[in-house]
Structures are given as C-alpha cells and as structure tokens.
Amino acid sequence: MVYKNLKKALLEREQVQILKITLQEKKLADELFCFPQLKELYLDAPNLESWPHDLSGWSQLKVLQLKAPHLKDSLTTLFELPNLENLKTNETPLEPLRLPLGGIRSPIRFLTLKEAGLKNLPEEFGEFKNLEDLSLAKNKLSSLPQSVKFLSQLKRFNLDQNEFKIFPDLLANLTNLKHLSIDNNQFSQEEKDRIQRVHHLTLN
C-alpha cells in the first residue's frame, strides 16, 4: 500500500513501507523518521533547504526519489544508509557533490542525479562499486574522474545534455557497459568522427 498522507501514515506507522508525499516546509519534519519499516520514499519538497545529519530512522530504506529545487545542503548522509539501493534526484542542486569522508556505505545500484547543476564529480565517485545504472543527464559536466573506471558493474550510463567537448575515453574500461547515451553535448564534428571511428558510437 502506498501512503500519500503523512497524518494518516503516522496512525499506522508500524505498517508503512511506501510513502509518497509533498512537503512544503524548509526542513524535514521529525515525523518522517518514525516509520521503522519504511522501504520506499517519494518526496516532492519544493521549499526544502536543509538536509538532516541523522538518518538513523531510515535504516530500512531501499528507494528514495527526491525533488527539492531550493536545497542548500548536501545529501552526504544519504550515502551512509545501509540498505539504500535506488536513489533518484531531479531538479535538486547538488554542486559540489559531497560524499562521506569514511567512504560510501550504501549499496546503491541505481543512481540518477538529473539536473543537479553538477560541474565535477569527486574522485571518490569510483567507490560506488555496486552501480549498475547511472544517469547524470542535464548537468554541466565536461570531464569524469579517473575513478569512474572502477565502476565495474555499470551496465547503463546516461550523460546526455552535459558540456563534454572531448569524449571520456576511460569509459572503454567499463567492460560490462551495455548502453551509453552521451547525446547533446558540445562535441565538434571532428570529435564526433573520432568517437564513431574509435568507439563505434553515433552521436546527436
């Protein structure tokens, strides 16, 4: 059952596993962390500015989808959740992307950071060892850190609508990559020809 009303969900907090809500506040209410069985959270937060440091109430969370266009905080603590497998943010500013100092603990397999204003990825990005599907579409990326070559499980990668002028050749190291989309970047015709010749890709 999908709960779409927070007040109703709180009355049945022990049973709630899927929560899909819109919040108008600038910070997350404490009540959001009162669901011990919560597995999936779909959160539309148009006014959210701050992100909590203690997410211990979400220890069972596997899926999080977030839209928070006015966020001023980093989501560092998310990457410490022990069961998080699927994270999707849309129109949520994350530049610069900050990852936990102690390393990524979340077993994230599906990661979407769309329209997040990202200009660079940290070198620690290669610590997402479980990643199978990665979408970084509609950002401002022009290069990738060398550590991306350690994403050995990656099967799908979307880099559409970024600012690449030179194709990141290190992607050739990703032997399990089955689908790569890197259309609508800033490649010259000469670079597009090289990409087609070397990597057998045709780009828009």
Protein backbone atom coordinates (compact mmCIF):
# COMPACT_ATOMS: atom_id res chain seq x y z
CA MET A 1 0.00 0.00 0.00
CA VAL A 2 1.23 3.49 -0.91
CA TYR A 3 0.58 6.15 1.74
CA LYS A 4 0.12 9.66 0.34
CA ASN A 5 -0.98 11.44 3.51
CA LEU A 6 1.55 11.90 6.31
CA LYS A 7 -1.06 12.24 9.08
CA LYS A 8 -2.78 9.04 8.04
CA ALA A 9 0.56 7.25 7.71
CA LEU A 10 1.52 8.25 11.26
CA LEU A 11 -1.57 6.49 12.58
CA GLU A 12 -0.30 3.25 11.04
CA ARG A 13 3.42 3.89 11.30
CA GLU A 14 4.35 0.27 12.04
CA GLN A 15 2.84 -0.88 8.74
CA VAL A 16 4.09 1.86 6.40
CA GLN A 17 6.55 0.66 3.77
CA ILE A 18 5.90 3.09 0.89
CA LEU A 19 5.38 6.81 1.38
CA LYS A 20 4.71 9.28 -1.44
CA ILE A 21 4.20 12.84 -0.22
CA THR A 22 4.65 16.54 -0.92
CA LEU A 23 6.12 18.69 1.85
CA GLN A 24 6.03 22.49 1.92
CA GLU A 25 8.39 23.04 4.88
CA LYS A 26 12.01 24.23 4.63
CA LYS A 27 13.26 21.24 6.62
CA LEU A 28 12.15 17.64 7.00
CA ALA A 29 9.76 17.01 9.87
CA ASP A 30 10.92 14.63 12.61
CA GLU A 31 7.81 12.53 11.93
CA LEU A 32 9.33 11.40 8.63
CA PHE A 33 11.78 9.27 10.59
CA CYS A 34 9.13 7.44 12.63
CA PHE A 35 8.44 4.59 10.19
CA PRO A 36 10.56 1.56 11.19
CA GLN A 37 9.51 -0.48 8.12
CA LEU A 38 9.84 2.29 5.53
CA LYS A 39 11.33 0.86 2.31
CA GLU A 40 10.43 3.47 -0.34
CA LEU A 41 10.10 7.25 -0.06
CA TYR A 42 8.98 9.54 -2.89
CA LEU A 43 9.41 13.11 -1.73
CA ASP A 44 8.45 16.31 -3.53
CA ALA A 45 9.76 19.18 -1.42
CA PRO A 46 9.54 22.50 -3.32
CA ASN A 47 10.69 24.62 -0.35
CA LEU A 48 13.17 22.27 1.30
CA GLU A 49 16.51 23.98 2.10
CA SER A 50 18.26 21.88 4.76
CA TRP A 51 19.04 18.18 4.99
CA PRO A 52 19.30 16.28 8.31
CA HIS A 53 22.56 14.77 9.51
CA ASP A 54 20.91 11.90 11.38
CA LEU A 55 19.07 9.47 9.10
CA SER A 56 19.06 6.54 11.54
CA GLY A 57 15.26 6.34 11.27
CA TRP A 58 15.65 5.30 7.61
CA SER A 59 17.80 2.24 8.22
CA GLN A 60 15.46 0.03 6.13
CA LEU A 61 15.08 2.49 3.24
CA LYS A 62 15.84 0.98 -0.18
CA VAL A 63 14.40 3.56 -2.59
CA LEU A 64 14.46 7.35 -2.37
CA GLN A 65 13.20 9.76 -5.00
CA LEU A 66 13.69 13.45 -4.25
CA LYS A 67 12.81 16.73 -5.91
CA ALA A 68 13.96 19.75 -3.91
CA PRO A 69 14.84 22.68 -6.21
CA HIS A 70 15.80 25.03 -3.34
CA LEU A 71 18.03 22.66 -1.40
CA LYS A 72 21.09 24.42 0.09
CA ASP A 73 22.57 21.44 1.90
CA SER A 74 24.48 18.35 0.76
CA LEU A 75 22.99 14.85 0.78
CA THR A 76 26.14 13.28 2.20
CA THR A 77 24.34 11.31 4.90
CA LEU A 78 22.23 9.51 2.30
CA PHE A 79 25.26 7.61 1.08
CA GLU A 80 25.67 6.07 4.55
CA LEU A 81 22.25 4.38 4.61
CA PRO A 82 22.94 0.63 4.89
CA ASN A 83 20.16 -0.59 2.57
CA LEU A 84 19.73 2.20 0.01
CA GLU A 85 19.82 0.66 -3.49
CA ASN A 86 17.99 3.20 -5.63
CA LEU A 87 18.46 6.98 -5.39
CA LYS A 88 16.92 9.43 -7.82
CA THR A 89 17.11 13.22 -7.56
CA ASN A 90 15.61 15.59 -10.09
CA GLU A 91 16.00 19.37 -10.21
CA THR A 92 17.82 19.22 -6.88
CA PRO A 93 21.05 21.30 -6.69
CA LEU A 94 23.99 19.15 -5.57
CA GLU A 95 27.05 21.10 -6.75
CA PRO A 96 29.54 20.38 -5.32
CA LEU A 97 28.69 16.72 -4.82
CA ARG A 98 29.96 15.71 -1.37
CA LEU A 99 30.46 12.07 -0.40
CA PRO A 100 31.07 10.70 3.13
CA LEU A 101 34.63 11.04 4.43
CA GLY A 102 34.51 7.49 5.77
CA GLY A 103 33.51 6.06 2.39
CA ILE A 104 30.25 5.15 0.72
CA ARG A 105 28.33 2.57 2.76
CA SER A 106 25.13 2.41 0.74
CA PRO A 107 24.84 -0.50 -1.74
CA ILE A 108 23.45 1.81 -4.44
CA ARG A 109 22.75 0.02 -7.73
CA PHE A 110 20.62 2.67 -9.46
CA LEU A 111 21.64 6.33 -9.24
CA THR A 112 20.07 9.31 -11.00
CA LEU A 113 21.31 12.86 -10.35
CA LYS A 114 19.42 14.73 -13.05
CA GLU A 115 19.57 18.50 -13.49
CA ALA A 116 21.64 18.86 -10.31
CA GLY A 117 23.97 21.63 -11.53
CA LEU A 118 26.97 19.30 -11.30
CA LYS A 119 30.19 20.65 -12.83
CA ASN A 120 32.52 17.99 -11.46
CA LEU A 121 32.38 14.61 -9.81
CA PRO A 122 34.63 13.88 -6.81
CA GLU A 123 37.42 11.35 -7.25
CA GLU A 124 35.67 9.20 -4.64
CA PHE A 125 32.87 8.59 -7.13
CA GLY A 126 34.52 5.32 -8.06
CA GLU A 127 33.51 3.97 -4.64
CA PHE A 128 30.01 3.27 -5.98
CA LYS A 129 31.15 -0.29 -6.66
CA ASN A 130 27.60 -1.70 -6.92
CA LEU A 131 26.35 0.75 -9.54
CA GLU A 132 24.55 -0.85 -12.49
CA ASP A 133 22.57 2.11 -13.83
CA LEU A 134 23.82 5.71 -13.66
CA SER A 135 22.16 8.83 -15.07
CA LEU A 136 23.82 12.25 -14.88
CA ALA A 137 21.77 13.89 -17.62
CA LYS A 138 21.19 17.66 -17.78
CA ASN A 139 24.23 18.72 -15.75
CA LYS A 140 27.33 20.79 -16.58
CA LEU A 141 29.93 18.04 -16.68
CA SER A 142 32.83 18.33 -19.10
CA SER A 143 35.01 15.53 -17.75
CA LEU A 144 34.91 12.47 -15.49
CA PRO A 145 37.28 11.47 -12.68
CA GLN A 146 39.66 8.59 -13.38
CA SER A 147 37.97 6.56 -10.64
CA VAL A 148 34.92 6.05 -12.88
CA LYS A 149 36.83 3.18 -14.50
CA PHE A 150 36.36 1.25 -11.24
CA LEU A 151 32.57 1.11 -11.69
CA SER A 152 32.96 -2.43 -12.94
CA GLN A 153 29.29 -3.40 -12.56
CA LEU A 154 27.95 -0.45 -14.57
CA LYS A 155 25.64 -1.52 -17.41
CA ARG A 156 23.81 1.71 -18.34
CA PHE A 157 25.23 5.26 -18.33
CA ASN A 158 23.40 8.42 -19.38
CA LEU A 159 25.45 11.61 -19.89
CA ASP A 160 23.04 13.42 -22.21
CA GLN A 161 22.87 17.23 -22.19
CA ASN A 162 26.15 17.98 -20.44
CA GLU A 163 29.13 20.05 -21.62
CA PHE A 164 31.59 17.44 -22.88
CA LYS A 165 33.86 18.62 -25.70
CA ILE A 166 36.14 15.60 -25.57
CA PHE A 167 34.78 12.08 -25.20
CA PRO A 168 35.88 10.45 -21.89
CA ASP A 169 37.91 7.58 -23.32
CA LEU A 170 38.20 5.95 -19.89
CA LEU A 171 34.67 4.61 -20.46
CA ALA A 172 36.27 1.97 -22.65
CA ASN A 173 37.47 0.35 -19.40
CA LEU A 174 33.89 -0.41 -18.35
CA THR A 175 33.64 -3.90 -19.80
CA ASN A 176 30.07 -4.53 -18.56
CA LEU A 177 28.69 -1.29 -20.05
CA LYS A 178 25.90 -2.23 -22.46
CA HIS A 179 24.23 1.12 -23.07
CA LEU A 180 25.86 4.56 -23.19
CA SER A 181 24.00 7.74 -24.10
CA ILE A 182 26.03 10.95 -24.42
CA ASP A 183 23.96 12.98 -26.89
CA ASN A 184 23.51 16.76 -26.98
CA ASN A 185 26.90 17.69 -25.59
CA GLN A 186 29.44 20.10 -27.13
CA PHE A 187 31.44 17.79 -29.37
CA SER A 188 32.90 19.24 -32.55
CA GLN A 189 32.25 17.39 -35.77
CA GLU A 190 35.87 16.26 -35.73
CA GLU A 191 35.43 14.78 -32.24
CA LYS A 192 32.16 13.11 -33.27
CA ASP A 193 34.00 11.49 -36.18
CA ARG A 194 36.74 10.29 -33.81
CA ILE A 195 34.15 8.88 -31.40
CA GLN A 196 32.47 6.99 -34.20
CA ARG A 197 35.79 5.69 -35.51
CA VAL A 198 37.29 4.67 -32.15
CA HIS A 199 34.25 3.82 -30.06
CA HIS A 200 31.70 2.98 -32.77
CA LEU A 201 29.16 5.45 -31.42
CA THR A 202 26.99 7.81 -33.45
CA LEU A 203 26.01 10.96 -31.56
CA ASN A 204 23.39 13.66 -31.89
